Protein backbone atom coordinates (compact mmCIF):
# COMPACT_ATOMS: atom_id res chain seq x y z
CA UNK A 1 100.90 -81.26 -60.42
CA UNK A 2 97.17 -81.93 -61.66
CA UNK A 3 94.86 -84.17 -63.12
CA UNK A 4 92.81 -83.14 -65.67
CA UNK A 5 89.53 -85.38 -66.15
CA UNK A 6 89.29 -86.43 -63.03
CA UNK A 7 86.81 -86.71 -60.63
CA UNK A 8 85.82 -88.62 -57.24
CA UNK A 9 89.53 -89.69 -57.13
CA UNK A 10 91.53 -89.93 -54.14
CA UNK A 11 95.68 -90.46 -54.06
CA UNK A 12 96.86 -93.20 -51.34
CA UNK A 13 100.30 -94.52 -52.40
CA UNK A 14 101.59 -96.45 -55.55
CA UNK A 15 104.35 -96.44 -58.08
CA UNK A 16 105.11 -93.12 -60.41
CA UNK A 17 107.83 -91.64 -62.54
CA UNK A 18 107.78 -88.21 -62.98
CA UNK A 19 110.09 -86.71 -65.01
CA UNK A 20 111.20 -82.69 -65.30
CA UNK A 21 113.57 -81.78 -67.64
CA UNK A 22 116.81 -84.18 -67.31
CA UNK A 23 115.78 -84.90 -63.72
CA UNK A 24 113.61 -87.91 -62.61
CA UNK A 25 111.54 -88.09 -59.46
CA UNK A 26 110.40 -91.28 -58.34
CA UNK A 27 107.60 -91.58 -55.35
CA UNK A 28 104.88 -93.64 -54.85
CA UNK A 29 101.21 -93.50 -55.18
CA UNK A 30 98.12 -95.31 -55.54
CA UNK A 31 94.83 -93.95 -56.88
CA UNK A 32 91.54 -95.81 -56.06
CA UNK A 33 88.93 -94.86 -58.26
CA UNK A 34 85.88 -94.12 -56.18
CA UNK A 35 82.40 -94.35 -58.08
CA UNK A 36 80.63 -91.40 -57.82
CA UNK A 37 77.54 -91.85 -55.16
CA UNK A 38 74.08 -92.06 -56.59
CA UNK A 39 71.71 -89.05 -55.16
CA UNK A 40 68.54 -90.05 -54.08
CA UNK A 41 65.50 -88.17 -53.42
CA UNK A 42 66.40 -88.15 -49.42
CA UNK A 43 69.49 -85.79 -50.26
CA UNK A 44 66.93 -83.23 -51.32
CA UNK A 45 66.08 -82.63 -47.61
CA UNK A 46 68.03 -81.81 -44.75
CA UNK A 47 69.26 -84.57 -41.93
CA UNK A 48 67.97 -83.49 -38.55
CA UNK A 49 69.53 -84.76 -35.90
CA UNK A 50 66.76 -85.86 -33.17
CA UNK A 51 69.04 -83.83 -30.34
CA UNK A 52 68.74 -80.94 -32.02
CA UNK A 53 64.92 -80.72 -32.21
CA UNK A 54 63.28 -79.45 -29.09
CA UNK A 55 59.36 -79.69 -28.73
CA UNK A 56 57.47 -77.47 -27.43
CA UNK A 57 53.85 -78.64 -27.29
CA UNK A 58 52.11 -82.49 -28.90
CA UNK A 59 48.67 -81.99 -30.19
CA UNK A 60 47.75 -85.00 -31.85
CA UNK A 61 48.63 -88.73 -31.07
CA UNK A 62 47.46 -91.97 -32.97
CA UNK A 63 48.11 -95.76 -32.06
CA UNK A 64 46.97 -97.04 -35.44
CA UNK A 65 47.02 -95.59 -38.77
CA UNK A 66 43.75 -96.31 -40.56
CA UNK A 67 42.52 -96.52 -44.25
CA UNK A 68 39.01 -96.39 -45.48
CA UNK A 69 38.00 -100.02 -47.27
CA UNK A 70 35.85 -98.42 -50.25
CA UNK A 71 34.54 -102.76 -50.76
CA UNK A 72 33.75 -103.43 -47.22
CA UNK A 73 32.95 -100.10 -46.19
CA UNK A 74 34.50 -99.95 -43.24
CA UNK A 75 38.12 -98.39 -41.67
CA UNK A 76 40.92 -101.37 -41.50
CA UNK A 77 44.31 -101.01 -39.65
CA UNK A 78 46.98 -99.76 -42.20
CA UNK A 79 50.08 -99.04 -40.33
CA UNK A 80 51.12 -100.02 -36.71
CA UNK A 81 52.57 -96.98 -36.04
CA UNK A 82 52.79 -94.55 -32.95
CA UNK A 83 52.29 -91.52 -34.68
CA UNK A 84 52.85 -87.96 -32.44
CA UNK A 85 52.22 -84.50 -34.52
CA UNK A 86 54.15 -81.56 -32.50
CA UNK A 87 55.20 -77.99 -33.01
CA UNK A 88 59.14 -78.04 -32.70
CA UNK A 89 62.34 -75.32 -32.78
CA UNK A 90 65.40 -76.47 -34.08
CA UNK A 91 68.86 -75.83 -31.96
CA UNK A 92 70.63 -72.26 -33.95
CA UNK A 93 67.39 -71.68 -36.17
CA UNK A 94 64.59 -69.05 -34.42
CA UNK A 95 61.95 -70.69 -37.12
CA UNK A 96 59.30 -72.91 -35.55
CA UNK A 97 58.35 -76.51 -37.70
CA UNK A 98 55.70 -79.12 -37.14
CA UNK A 99 56.89 -82.43 -36.33
CA UNK A 100 55.91 -85.54 -36.68
CA UNK A 101 57.39 -88.97 -35.13
CA UNK A 102 56.44 -92.32 -36.08
CA UNK A 103 57.31 -95.32 -33.54
CA UNK A 104 56.24 -98.63 -33.43
CA UNK A 105 56.44 -102.01 -35.73
CA UNK A 106 55.56 -100.24 -38.81
CA UNK A 107 57.12 -97.22 -38.27
CA UNK A 108 59.49 -96.93 -41.62
CA UNK A 109 56.77 -98.10 -43.72
CA UNK A 110 54.56 -95.21 -42.75
CA UNK A 111 57.23 -92.64 -42.64
CA UNK A 112 57.61 -93.50 -46.38
CA UNK A 113 54.61 -93.27 -47.37
CA UNK A 114 54.06 -89.51 -46.23
CA UNK A 115 57.80 -88.94 -46.82
CA UNK A 116 56.50 -89.99 -51.07
CA UNK A 117 53.36 -87.41 -50.65
CA UNK A 118 55.05 -84.66 -49.10
CA UNK A 119 58.59 -84.71 -51.15
CA UNK A 120 56.51 -84.11 -54.36
CA UNK A 121 54.84 -81.31 -53.25
CA UNK A 122 54.81 -77.91 -55.61
CA UNK A 123 53.07 -75.19 -54.99
CA UNK A 124 51.61 -73.65 -51.59
CA UNK A 125 48.34 -75.36 -50.82
CA UNK A 126 49.98 -78.48 -48.91
CA UNK A 127 51.73 -78.71 -46.05
CA UNK A 128 55.66 -77.91 -47.12
CA UNK A 129 58.50 -80.37 -46.12
CA UNK A 130 61.52 -78.69 -44.79
CA UNK A 131 63.63 -81.63 -43.34
CA UNK A 132 63.95 -85.23 -42.50
CA UNK A 133 65.56 -88.03 -39.70
CA UNK A 134 65.89 -91.69 -40.73
CA UNK A 135 67.08 -93.19 -37.36
CA UNK A 136 65.19 -95.72 -35.78
CA UNK A 137 62.28 -93.06 -34.87
CA UNK A 138 62.10 -91.43 -38.38
CA UNK A 139 60.77 -87.74 -38.24
CA UNK A 140 59.38 -85.54 -40.98
CA UNK A 141 59.85 -81.73 -40.77
CA UNK A 142 57.67 -79.45 -42.16
CA UNK A 143 57.62 -75.84 -42.41
CA UNK A 144 56.07 -73.36 -40.05
CA UNK A 145 54.05 -73.92 -36.87
CA UNK A 146 50.41 -75.21 -38.52
CA UNK A 147 47.63 -75.31 -36.51
CA UNK A 148 44.79 -78.30 -37.35
CA UNK A 149 41.25 -77.48 -38.32
CA UNK A 150 39.82 -78.67 -35.25
CA UNK A 151 41.88 -76.21 -32.82
CA UNK A 152 39.60 -73.51 -34.23
CA UNK A 153 36.71 -75.34 -35.72
CA UNK A 154 34.18 -74.18 -32.96
CA UNK A 155 35.01 -70.53 -33.12
CA UNK A 156 33.48 -70.48 -36.59
CA UNK A 157 29.86 -69.78 -37.76
CA UNK A 158 27.72 -71.73 -39.94
CA UNK A 159 29.17 -70.14 -43.03
CA UNK A 160 32.59 -70.38 -41.96
CA UNK A 161 32.20 -74.17 -41.07
CA UNK A 162 30.46 -74.31 -44.68
CA UNK A 163 33.09 -72.57 -46.95
CA UNK A 164 36.21 -74.12 -45.01
CA UNK A 165 34.93 -77.89 -45.86
CA UNK A 166 34.03 -76.88 -49.01
CA UNK A 167 37.36 -75.41 -49.53
CA UNK A 168 38.68 -78.83 -48.25
CA UNK A 169 37.20 -80.28 -51.07
CA UNK A 170 37.98 -77.86 -54.18
CA UNK A 171 41.26 -78.90 -52.53
CA UNK A 172 40.77 -82.60 -52.31
CA UNK A 173 41.26 -83.58 -48.98
CA UNK A 174 39.10 -84.86 -46.01
CA UNK A 175 38.42 -81.76 -43.31
CA UNK A 176 41.15 -84.04 -40.72
CA UNK A 177 43.68 -83.05 -43.54
CA UNK A 178 43.33 -78.88 -43.53
CA UNK A 179 45.51 -76.84 -41.64
CA UNK A 180 46.34 -73.34 -40.94
CA UNK A 181 49.29 -71.06 -41.65
CA UNK A 182 48.80 -68.79 -38.84
CA UNK A 183 52.19 -67.04 -40.23
CA UNK A 184 50.95 -66.90 -43.99
CA UNK A 185 46.86 -66.65 -43.44
CA UNK A 186 46.15 -69.41 -45.04
CA UNK A 187 44.45 -72.86 -45.27
CA UNK A 188 46.22 -75.62 -46.47
CA UNK A 189 45.67 -79.79 -46.69
CA UNK A 190 48.43 -82.00 -45.03
CA UNK A 191 48.77 -84.68 -42.93
CA UNK A 192 45.58 -86.87 -40.97
CA UNK A 193 45.68 -84.42 -37.79
CA UNK A 194 43.42 -84.55 -34.91
CA UNK A 195 39.67 -86.00 -35.36
CA UNK A 196 37.26 -82.92 -34.97
CA UNK A 197 34.46 -85.26 -36.23
CA UNK A 198 31.89 -82.33 -37.60
CA UNK A 199 28.93 -82.94 -38.85
CA UNK A 200 28.19 -83.22 -42.79
CA UNK A 201 28.44 -79.69 -43.88
CA UNK A 202 27.15 -79.96 -47.60
CA UNK A 203 28.89 -78.05 -50.56
CA UNK A 204 28.92 -74.63 -52.71
CA UNK A 205 28.56 -74.88 -56.72
CA UNK A 206 31.01 -72.31 -57.44
CA UNK A 207 34.69 -72.10 -57.93
CA UNK A 208 37.28 -70.52 -57.31
CA UNK A 209 37.53 -70.46 -53.08
CA UNK A 210 39.46 -67.95 -51.26
CA UNK A 211 42.13 -70.20 -48.63
CA UNK A 212 42.78 -67.15 -46.57
CA UNK A 213 41.62 -67.41 -42.94
CA UNK A 214 39.61 -64.18 -42.99
CA UNK A 215 37.18 -65.76 -45.07
CA UNK A 216 36.07 -67.89 -42.10
CA UNK A 217 34.46 -64.97 -40.18
CA UNK A 218 30.61 -65.69 -40.99
CA UNK A 219 30.56 -61.62 -42.09
CA UNK A 220 32.98 -61.65 -44.22
CA UNK A 221 31.82 -64.93 -45.87
CA UNK A 222 28.26 -63.47 -45.67
CA UNK A 223 29.38 -60.58 -47.69
CA UNK A 224 31.41 -62.55 -50.24
CA UNK A 225 29.22 -65.29 -50.74
CA UNK A 226 26.13 -63.30 -51.44
CA UNK A 227 27.50 -60.97 -53.96
CA UNK A 228 27.53 -63.71 -56.27
CA UNK A 229 24.89 -63.28 -59.13
CA UNK A 230 21.16 -64.58 -58.61
CA UNK A 231 21.68 -68.42 -59.61
CA UNK A 232 19.11 -70.91 -58.61
CA UNK A 233 21.32 -74.04 -58.02
CA UNK A 234 23.88 -71.70 -55.72
CA UNK A 235 21.31 -70.67 -53.36
CA UNK A 236 20.01 -74.70 -53.65
CA UNK A 237 23.17 -75.45 -52.14
CA UNK A 238 23.52 -72.40 -49.73
CA UNK A 239 20.49 -74.01 -47.97
CA UNK A 240 21.39 -77.36 -48.03
CA UNK A 241 24.55 -76.41 -46.38
CA UNK A 242 22.60 -74.79 -43.71
CA UNK A 243 20.10 -77.27 -43.01
CA UNK A 244 23.35 -80.16 -42.91
CA UNK A 245 25.38 -78.19 -40.71
CA UNK A 246 22.40 -78.04 -37.89
CA UNK A 247 19.68 -80.40 -37.87
CA UNK A 248 19.38 -82.80 -35.20
CA UNK A 249 17.46 -85.85 -36.52
CA UNK A 250 15.68 -88.86 -35.24
CA UNK A 251 13.97 -91.59 -36.65
CA UNK A 252 10.19 -91.88 -35.31
CA UNK A 253 7.07 -94.12 -35.31
CA UNK A 254 5.30 -93.52 -38.84
CA UNK A 255 3.09 -90.83 -38.19
CA UNK A 256 2.25 -89.31 -41.72
CA UNK A 257 2.86 -89.35 -45.26
CA UNK A 258 3.60 -86.24 -45.54
CA UNK A 259 6.05 -83.75 -44.25
CA UNK A 260 4.75 -81.13 -41.77
CA UNK A 261 5.58 -78.91 -38.95
CA UNK A 262 4.77 -79.46 -35.44
CA UNK A 263 5.26 -77.14 -32.22
CA UNK A 264 6.49 -79.42 -29.21
CA UNK A 265 4.79 -76.63 -27.20
CA UNK A 266 1.25 -77.29 -28.84
CA UNK A 267 1.47 -80.71 -30.36
CA UNK A 268 -0.33 -78.85 -32.88
CA UNK A 269 0.92 -78.62 -36.91
CA UNK A 270 1.40 -74.91 -38.12
CA UNK A 271 2.47 -76.17 -41.78
CA UNK A 272 1.77 -78.99 -43.97
CA UNK A 273 4.05 -79.81 -47.24
CA UNK A 274 3.05 -82.01 -50.12
CA UNK A 275 6.30 -83.65 -50.69
CA UNK A 276 9.05 -83.15 -53.23
CA UNK A 277 9.05 -86.83 -54.90
CA UNK A 278 12.03 -88.28 -56.98
CA UNK A 279 12.45 -91.22 -59.31
CA UNK A 280 15.20 -93.41 -58.33
CA UNK A 281 15.25 -95.86 -61.14
CA UNK A 282 14.80 -93.04 -63.85
CA UNK A 283 11.91 -94.15 -65.10
CA UNK A 284 10.91 -91.04 -65.67
CA UNK A 285 12.49 -87.58 -66.72
CA UNK A 286 12.86 -85.23 -63.86
CA UNK A 287 9.91 -84.17 -61.82
CA UNK A 288 8.26 -80.70 -62.05
CA UNK A 289 6.08 -79.32 -59.01
CA UNK A 290 2.57 -78.39 -60.76
CA UNK A 291 1.29 -74.62 -59.76
CA UNK A 292 -1.22 -76.09 -57.00
CA UNK A 293 2.10 -76.76 -55.08
CA UNK A 294 1.01 -80.66 -54.13
CA UNK A 295 0.91 -82.32 -57.34
CA UNK A 296 4.33 -84.00 -58.96
CA UNK A 297 4.65 -84.63 -62.87
CA UNK A 298 7.08 -86.81 -63.97
CA UNK A 299 7.34 -87.64 -67.97
CA UNK A 300 7.67 -91.50 -69.03
CA UNK A 301 10.50 -92.09 -70.75
CA UNK A 302 10.91 -95.51 -73.05
CA UNK A 303 12.01 -97.78 -70.16
CA UNK A 304 9.72 -100.45 -68.74
CA UNK A 305 9.94 -102.64 -65.44
CA UNK A 306 9.57 -102.10 -61.89
CA UNK A 307 10.10 -98.29 -60.59
CA UNK A 308 10.05 -96.61 -57.59
CA UNK A 309 9.20 -93.37 -55.72
CA UNK A 310 10.19 -91.82 -53.23
CA UNK A 311 10.22 -88.26 -51.12
CA UNK A 312 13.52 -86.34 -51.69
CA UNK A 313 14.32 -85.73 -48.26
CA UNK A 314 17.26 -82.90 -48.90
CA UNK A 315 14.26 -80.74 -50.82
CA UNK A 316 11.51 -81.62 -48.07
CA UNK A 317 13.77 -80.00 -45.51
CA UNK A 318 15.09 -77.21 -47.92
CA UNK A 319 11.75 -76.28 -48.73
CA UNK A 320 11.01 -75.86 -45.35
CA UNK A 321 13.45 -73.75 -44.11
CA UNK A 322 13.34 -71.54 -47.44
CA UNK A 323 9.61 -70.71 -46.34
CA UNK A 324 10.02 -70.91 -42.43
CA UNK A 325 10.32 -67.38 -41.62
CA UNK A 326 6.69 -66.39 -43.84
CA UNK A 327 5.12 -69.38 -41.79
CA UNK A 328 6.67 -67.55 -38.71
CA UNK A 329 5.65 -64.30 -39.92
CA UNK A 330 1.93 -65.16 -40.58
CA UNK A 331 1.60 -66.93 -37.53
CA UNK A 332 3.19 -64.12 -35.17
CA UNK A 333 6.02 -66.20 -34.16
CA UNK A 334 8.61 -64.00 -32.89
CA UNK A 335 12.54 -64.16 -33.58
CA UNK A 336 13.11 -63.98 -30.03
CA UNK A 337 11.29 -67.58 -28.77
CA UNK A 338 13.28 -70.61 -29.32
CA UNK A 339 12.12 -71.75 -32.78
CA UNK A 340 14.17 -75.59 -32.26
CA UNK A 341 10.62 -76.49 -30.53
CA UNK A 342 9.26 -76.68 -34.16
CA UNK A 343 9.79 -79.90 -35.49
CA UNK A 344 9.64 -80.82 -39.40
CA UNK A 345 8.26 -84.51 -39.63
CA UNK A 346 9.32 -86.18 -42.63
CA UNK A 347 7.81 -89.42 -43.97
CA UNK A 348 10.38 -91.58 -45.86
CA UNK A 349 7.92 -93.84 -48.43
CA UNK A 350 8.81 -95.87 -50.95
CA UNK A 351 6.00 -96.42 -54.01
CA UNK A 352 6.82 -99.31 -56.56
CA UNK A 353 4.91 -99.70 -59.80
CA UNK A 354 5.47 -101.98 -62.51
CA UNK A 355 5.44 -101.05 -66.45
CA UNK A 356 4.76 -104.09 -68.36
CA UNK A 357 7.63 -105.17 -70.85
CA UNK A 358 5.85 -107.38 -73.33
CA UNK A 359 6.56 -106.00 -76.72
CA UNK A 360 2.81 -105.32 -77.81
CA UNK A 361 2.00 -102.65 -75.24
CA UNK A 362 5.31 -101.09 -75.54
CA UNK A 363 4.62 -100.70 -78.84
CA UNK A 364 1.02 -99.30 -77.77
CA UNK A 365 2.80 -97.03 -75.67
CA UNK A 366 5.84 -95.85 -78.61
CA UNK A 367 2.95 -95.13 -81.06
CA UNK A 368 0.87 -92.77 -79.04
CA UNK A 369 1.22 -89.01 -77.65
CA UNK A 370 3.89 -88.44 -74.53
CA UNK A 371 2.81 -89.65 -71.14
CA UNK A 372 3.08 -87.91 -68.26
CA UNK A 373 2.50 -89.53 -64.21
CA UNK A 374 0.86 -87.63 -61.51
CA UNK A 375 1.44 -88.38 -58.45
CA UNK A 376 -1.02 -86.74 -55.78
CA UNK A 377 -0.41 -85.99 -52.46
CA UNK A 378 -2.21 -87.89 -49.63
CA UNK A 379 -4.17 -87.38 -47.16
CA UNK A 380 -2.40 -85.89 -43.83
CA UNK A 381 -2.62 -88.76 -41.86
CA UNK A 382 -4.15 -91.47 -43.89
CA UNK A 383 -2.29 -94.89 -42.64
CA UNK A 384 -0.29 -97.09 -44.63
CA UNK A 385 1.10 -100.15 -44.45
CA UNK A 386 4.37 -101.91 -46.26
CA UNK A 387 2.40 -103.98 -48.58
CA UNK A 388 -0.28 -102.36 -49.09
CA UNK A 389 -1.71 -101.31 -52.49
CA UNK A 390 -2.81 -97.33 -53.01
CA UNK A 391 -4.14 -95.16 -55.77
CA UNK A 392 -2.60 -91.59 -55.75
CA UNK A 393 -1.42 -90.92 -59.24
CA UNK A 394 -3.19 -90.81 -62.56
CA UNK A 395 -1.94 -91.24 -66.20
CA UNK A 396 -2.53 -88.74 -68.73
CA UNK A 397 -1.65 -87.15 -72.30
CA UNK A 398 -2.51 -83.89 -71.20
CA UNK A 399 0.94 -82.25 -69.89
CA UNK A 400 -1.03 -80.03 -67.27
CA UNK A 401 -3.10 -83.16 -65.66
CA UNK A 402 -6.41 -82.03 -66.66
CA UNK A 403 -7.61 -85.28 -68.22
CA UNK A 404 -6.87 -88.58 -67.27
CA UNK A 405 -6.50 -91.87 -69.08
CA UNK A 406 -9.11 -94.08 -67.58
CA UNK A 407 -7.91 -97.38 -66.19
CA UNK A 408 -9.17 -99.69 -68.50
CA UNK A 409 -6.56 -98.00 -71.55
CA UNK A 410 -3.85 -97.59 -68.99
CA UNK A 411 -4.13 -101.64 -68.58
CA UNK A 412 -4.34 -101.66 -72.36
CA UNK A 413 -0.84 -99.58 -72.48
CA UNK A 414 0.70 -101.73 -69.59
CA UNK A 415 0.45 -98.93 -67.28
CA UNK A 416 -0.31 -99.62 -63.47
CA UNK A 417 -2.92 -97.93 -61.93
CA UNK A 418 -2.34 -99.15 -58.03
CA UNK A 419 1.67 -98.40 -56.37
CA UNK A 420 2.22 -100.56 -53.57
CA UNK A 421 3.64 -99.16 -50.40
CA UNK A 422 7.50 -100.49 -50.23
CA UNK A 423 8.48 -99.06 -46.96
CA UNK A 424 7.31 -95.92 -44.59
CA UNK A 425 9.15 -94.49 -41.58
CA UNK A 426 9.72 -91.03 -40.52
CA UNK A 427 12.07 -88.87 -39.07
CA UNK A 428 11.67 -85.74 -36.80
CA UNK A 429 14.30 -83.07 -37.84
CA UNK A 430 14.82 -79.86 -35.25
CA UNK A 431 16.69 -76.95 -36.34
CA UNK A 432 18.47 -74.17 -33.88
CA UNK A 433 16.83 -70.46 -33.24
CA UNK A 434 20.69 -69.76 -34.98
CA UNK A 435 20.15 -71.43 -38.33
CA UNK A 436 17.21 -69.80 -38.61
CA UNK A 437 18.53 -66.39 -37.91
CA UNK A 438 21.21 -67.20 -40.67
CA UNK A 439 18.90 -68.52 -43.27
CA UNK A 440 16.73 -64.97 -43.09
CA UNK A 441 20.03 -62.85 -43.18
CA UNK A 442 20.67 -65.09 -46.14
CA UNK A 443 17.62 -64.24 -48.11
CA UNK A 444 17.88 -60.38 -46.95
CA UNK A 445 21.60 -60.46 -48.56
CA UNK A 446 19.91 -61.93 -51.82
CA UNK A 447 17.33 -59.48 -52.07
CA UNK A 448 14.41 -61.38 -50.81
CA UNK A 449 11.58 -60.85 -48.58
CA UNK A 450 12.05 -63.22 -45.60
CA UNK A 451 8.40 -62.84 -44.40
CA UNK A 452 6.88 -63.96 -47.83
CA UNK A 453 7.53 -67.29 -50.05
CA UNK A 454 9.39 -65.27 -52.90
CA UNK A 455 12.53 -66.90 -52.13
CA UNK A 456 10.70 -70.54 -51.65
CA UNK A 457 9.42 -69.45 -55.21
CA UNK A 458 12.33 -68.56 -56.72
CA UNK A 459 14.00 -71.82 -55.58
CA UNK A 460 11.16 -73.73 -57.27
CA UNK A 461 10.16 -75.40 -53.94
CA UNK A 462 6.54 -76.11 -53.09
CA UNK A 463 4.84 -74.09 -50.67
CA UNK A 464 3.79 -75.36 -47.34
CA UNK A 465 0.02 -74.55 -45.90
CA UNK A 466 -0.09 -72.91 -42.93
CA UNK A 467 -2.39 -74.00 -40.45
CA UNK A 468 -3.81 -71.37 -38.12
CA UNK A 469 -3.66 -72.15 -34.22
CA UNK A 470 -6.88 -73.45 -32.90
CA UNK A 471 -8.69 -70.88 -30.82
CA UNK A 472 -8.03 -71.52 -26.87
CA UNK A 473 -11.06 -71.43 -24.89
CA UNK A 474 -10.64 -70.68 -21.24
CA UNK A 475 -12.95 -71.70 -18.24
CA UNK A 476 -12.54 -69.45 -14.80
CA UNK A 477 -12.77 -71.02 -11.88
CA UNK A 478 -13.17 -69.93 -8.45
CA UNK A 479 -11.06 -71.29 -6.01
CA UNK A 480 -10.42 -70.15 -2.21
CA UNK A 481 -10.92 -66.51 -3.60
CA UNK A 482 -8.26 -67.20 -6.18
CA UNK A 483 -9.49 -66.93 -9.63
CA UNK A 484 -7.78 -69.46 -12.17
CA UNK A 485 -7.97 -69.72 -15.89
CA UNK A 486 -7.42 -73.18 -17.41
């Protein structure tokens, strides 16, 4: 006997008559129509009992789940949960898995948030969810024995670190969310893992990036990156990455108003820069360094009011790194020396000026030819105090700055003849010998001779002036029959 068109029905008893030919059979049945249970997203993943899971190694545990508060610029507690991430095996399965256990006041909330994120994964660049457990200590199980970035971070060189950090940005995740899948040999994004707290490493301005682990080897990464066409912006980024990868920075009392490099052994400058200035308020078009390598030129836009200028810290640092080997070559500094002894002293100065906003003076400026603003370098150790006024600039109708606008006519146009020093401090930067050697390798790989300033000129940075060492004078003394030179 069959019931056609039935689904989800159980027969438990009741009164029914079944007639076959001339014979009638009486029996009792009860038909209960059961509603089909509605499937949920949880049914898409197998439920794994805790007793079947054998943990082999715990590699991360946190007692609180934090979330960055962008409005208040601080980390706030999101969930009060004890989260443990482990490598594990499941009874009856030879594969290994990454298991996350949640325990505590907000365990279920934290579990649901992570489940929702990874249950919707549709590609191979993310951790892939295998199974779940919804007990009092809920679990998430992921395919593969995954390794967090922090476990192999220290074994990476500068190019490898830069590459993996850049890849993380391209994948839209923090470094602490990056994992390696050893079986596939790839890097993927996943849960927040152990915090290795590396320094900021910058970015590289091209895509796509390979996610395979072999690209983390410095020699492979160097060859891969150096084959890119000569594009100024790309090389600027590479040097910025190497700067950010190894700089040791500390604030020192104001000692200078231009960047210079000093030997910590002799306390003498070996090279002096002019500084690359930027306009934070966009009152000017982007500045350019004049052929003398010391003067910055800006084009005045139609804006008016108070403007602020300051040296660009990244440009100052990268300008030095791009030409350090040419300075060392000229001074006879060997690559076998401890190059960290050379310190880049970088000033941080804010200069303010005021372009008058009256309708009359605005009209005068608009009716005339284009106006150029030239910022000239200070004398190296000119003392500066916040609030003081300086005159280190000129205005000109000539894009080459050969003829300056007289002060009286500047007042007629509403252009300031003096700038106010808003703030001044200095920073001391040092780089390891290894960093300098990486930069030399990069220049060679890109087809430049590190002993020249060709690479620096290609990138548009100002050239540092090399300061020859002062002659050392010796005095010979005779003491107790021994000859000493001091």
